Amino acid sequence: MRITVFGANGPTGRLLTGRALAAGHRGSAVTSIRTPAPMAVPCSTGCFCPT
């Protein structure tokens, strides 16, 4: 499933993003901070993959 997580740098967003990635989902992480979420980096396919 392709999902979007808003607030991905917050505690709940990090937990949700990590679980979604572990379950094999793809998607986008939206944050108010301009740095990437610490547990994910953009892949060549446009999804976010664990570091």
N, C-alpha and C. Protein backbone atom coordinates (compact mmCIF):
# COMPACT_ATOMS: atom_id res chain seq x y z
N MET A 1 0.84 -1.17 0.00
CA MET A 1 0.00 0.00 0.00
C MET A 1 0.90 1.24 0.00
N ARG A 2 0.47 2.27 -0.67
CA ARG A 2 1.20 3.54 -0.67
C ARG A 2 0.53 4.48 0.34
N ILE A 3 1.33 4.99 1.29
CA ILE A 3 0.77 5.83 2.34
C ILE A 3 1.54 7.15 2.44
N THR A 4 0.95 8.12 3.10
CA THR A 4 1.61 9.38 3.44
C THR A 4 1.49 9.56 4.95
N VAL A 5 2.63 9.82 5.59
CA VAL A 5 2.66 10.04 7.03
C VAL A 5 2.95 11.51 7.28
N PHE A 6 2.02 12.22 7.87
CA PHE A 6 2.22 13.61 8.25
C PHE A 6 2.80 13.65 9.66
N GLY A 7 3.79 14.51 9.88
CA GLY A 7 4.44 14.58 11.18
C GLY A 7 5.41 13.41 11.38
N ALA A 8 6.07 13.00 10.32
CA ALA A 8 6.91 11.80 10.35
C ALA A 8 8.15 11.94 11.23
N ASN A 9 8.55 13.14 11.62
CA ASN A 9 9.70 13.31 12.50
C ASN A 9 9.32 13.30 13.97
N GLY A 10 8.04 13.31 14.28
CA GLY A 10 7.60 13.25 15.68
C GLY A 10 7.61 11.82 16.19
N PRO A 11 7.39 11.63 17.49
CA PRO A 11 7.45 10.28 18.07
C PRO A 11 6.46 9.30 17.44
N THR A 12 5.22 9.71 17.28
CA THR A 12 4.23 8.82 16.68
C THR A 12 4.51 8.60 15.21
N GLY A 13 4.89 9.66 14.50
CA GLY A 13 5.20 9.54 13.08
C GLY A 13 6.37 8.62 12.81
N ARG A 14 7.40 8.69 13.65
CA ARG A 14 8.57 7.80 13.50
C ARG A 14 8.15 6.35 13.71
N LEU A 15 7.35 6.11 14.73
CA LEU A 15 6.88 4.75 15.00
C LEU A 15 6.05 4.23 13.83
N LEU A 16 5.10 5.04 13.36
CA LEU A 16 4.23 4.64 12.26
C LEU A 16 5.02 4.42 10.97
N THR A 17 5.96 5.31 10.68
CA THR A 17 6.76 5.18 9.46
C THR A 17 7.62 3.92 9.52
N GLY A 18 8.25 3.68 10.66
CA GLY A 18 9.08 2.48 10.81
C GLY A 18 8.28 1.20 10.64
N ARG A 19 7.09 1.17 11.22
CA ARG A 19 6.24 -0.03 11.10
C ARG A 19 5.74 -0.22 9.67
N ALA A 20 5.39 0.88 9.02
CA ALA A 20 4.92 0.79 7.63
C ALA A 20 6.03 0.27 6.71
N LEU A 21 7.25 0.77 6.90
CA LEU A 21 8.38 0.31 6.10
C LEU A 21 8.67 -1.17 6.36
N ALA A 22 8.62 -1.57 7.62
CA ALA A 22 8.87 -2.97 7.97
C ALA A 22 7.83 -3.90 7.37
N ALA A 23 6.61 -3.39 7.20
CA ALA A 23 5.53 -4.19 6.62
C ALA A 23 5.56 -4.19 5.09
N GLY A 24 6.52 -3.45 4.50
CA GLY A 24 6.66 -3.45 3.05
C GLY A 24 5.87 -2.38 2.32
N HIS A 25 5.30 -1.41 3.04
CA HIS A 25 4.54 -0.35 2.39
C HIS A 25 5.48 0.70 1.81
N ARG A 26 5.00 1.44 0.82
CA ARG A 26 5.73 2.56 0.22
C ARG A 26 4.98 3.83 0.52
N GLY A 27 5.66 4.96 0.38
CA GLY A 27 4.93 6.20 0.59
C GLY A 27 5.83 7.40 0.78
N SER A 28 5.27 8.41 1.39
CA SER A 28 5.96 9.67 1.60
C SER A 28 5.87 10.05 3.07
N ALA A 29 6.93 10.72 3.54
CA ALA A 29 6.95 11.25 4.89
C ALA A 29 6.92 12.77 4.80
N VAL A 30 5.95 13.39 5.46
CA VAL A 30 5.80 14.85 5.44
C VAL A 30 6.15 15.37 6.83
N THR A 31 7.06 16.35 6.86
CA THR A 31 7.47 16.93 8.14
C THR A 31 7.51 18.45 8.02
N SER A 32 7.57 19.12 9.17
CA SER A 32 7.72 20.57 9.15
C SER A 32 9.20 20.95 9.16
N ILE A 33 10.07 19.96 9.32
CA ILE A 33 11.52 20.16 9.33
C ILE A 33 12.05 19.77 7.95
N ARG A 34 12.99 20.52 7.41
CA ARG A 34 13.45 20.27 6.05
C ARG A 34 14.48 19.15 5.91
N THR A 35 14.82 18.49 6.99
CA THR A 35 15.78 17.39 6.91
C THR A 35 15.03 16.07 6.77
N PRO A 36 15.64 15.06 6.15
CA PRO A 36 14.97 13.76 6.01
C PRO A 36 14.71 13.11 7.37
N ALA A 37 13.70 12.30 7.44
CA ALA A 37 13.44 11.53 8.66
C ALA A 37 14.63 10.62 8.90
N PRO A 38 15.06 10.45 10.15
CA PRO A 38 16.28 9.71 10.42
C PRO A 38 16.26 8.24 10.01
N MET A 39 15.07 7.64 9.93
CA MET A 39 15.04 6.22 9.59
C MET A 39 14.76 5.95 8.13
N ALA A 40 14.69 6.97 7.31
CA ALA A 40 14.33 6.74 5.91
C ALA A 40 15.09 7.68 4.98
N VAL A 41 15.36 7.18 3.80
CA VAL A 41 15.98 7.99 2.75
C VAL A 41 15.24 7.71 1.45
N PRO A 42 15.17 8.68 0.54
CA PRO A 42 14.48 8.45 -0.73
C PRO A 42 15.19 7.36 -1.55
N CYS A 43 14.45 6.47 -2.13
CA CYS A 43 14.99 5.44 -3.02
C CYS A 43 14.82 5.89 -4.47
N SER A 44 15.43 5.17 -5.37
CA SER A 44 15.31 5.50 -6.80
C SER A 44 13.89 5.31 -7.30
N THR A 45 13.09 4.51 -6.60
CA THR A 45 11.71 4.28 -7.03
C THR A 45 10.75 5.34 -6.53
N GLY A 46 11.25 6.29 -5.71
CA GLY A 46 10.38 7.33 -5.19
C GLY A 46 9.81 7.02 -3.83
N CYS A 47 10.07 5.81 -3.31
CA CYS A 47 9.59 5.47 -1.98
C CYS A 47 10.66 5.82 -0.96
N PHE A 48 10.40 5.59 0.30
CA PHE A 48 11.39 5.79 1.35
C PHE A 48 11.80 4.43 1.87
N CYS A 49 13.09 4.22 1.99
CA CYS A 49 13.62 2.94 2.45
C CYS A 49 14.40 3.13 3.74
N PRO A 50 14.44 2.10 4.58
CA PRO A 50 15.21 2.23 5.83
C PRO A 50 16.69 2.46 5.54
N THR A 51 17.36 3.19 6.41
CA THR A 51 18.79 3.41 6.25
C THR A 51 19.57 2.27 6.84
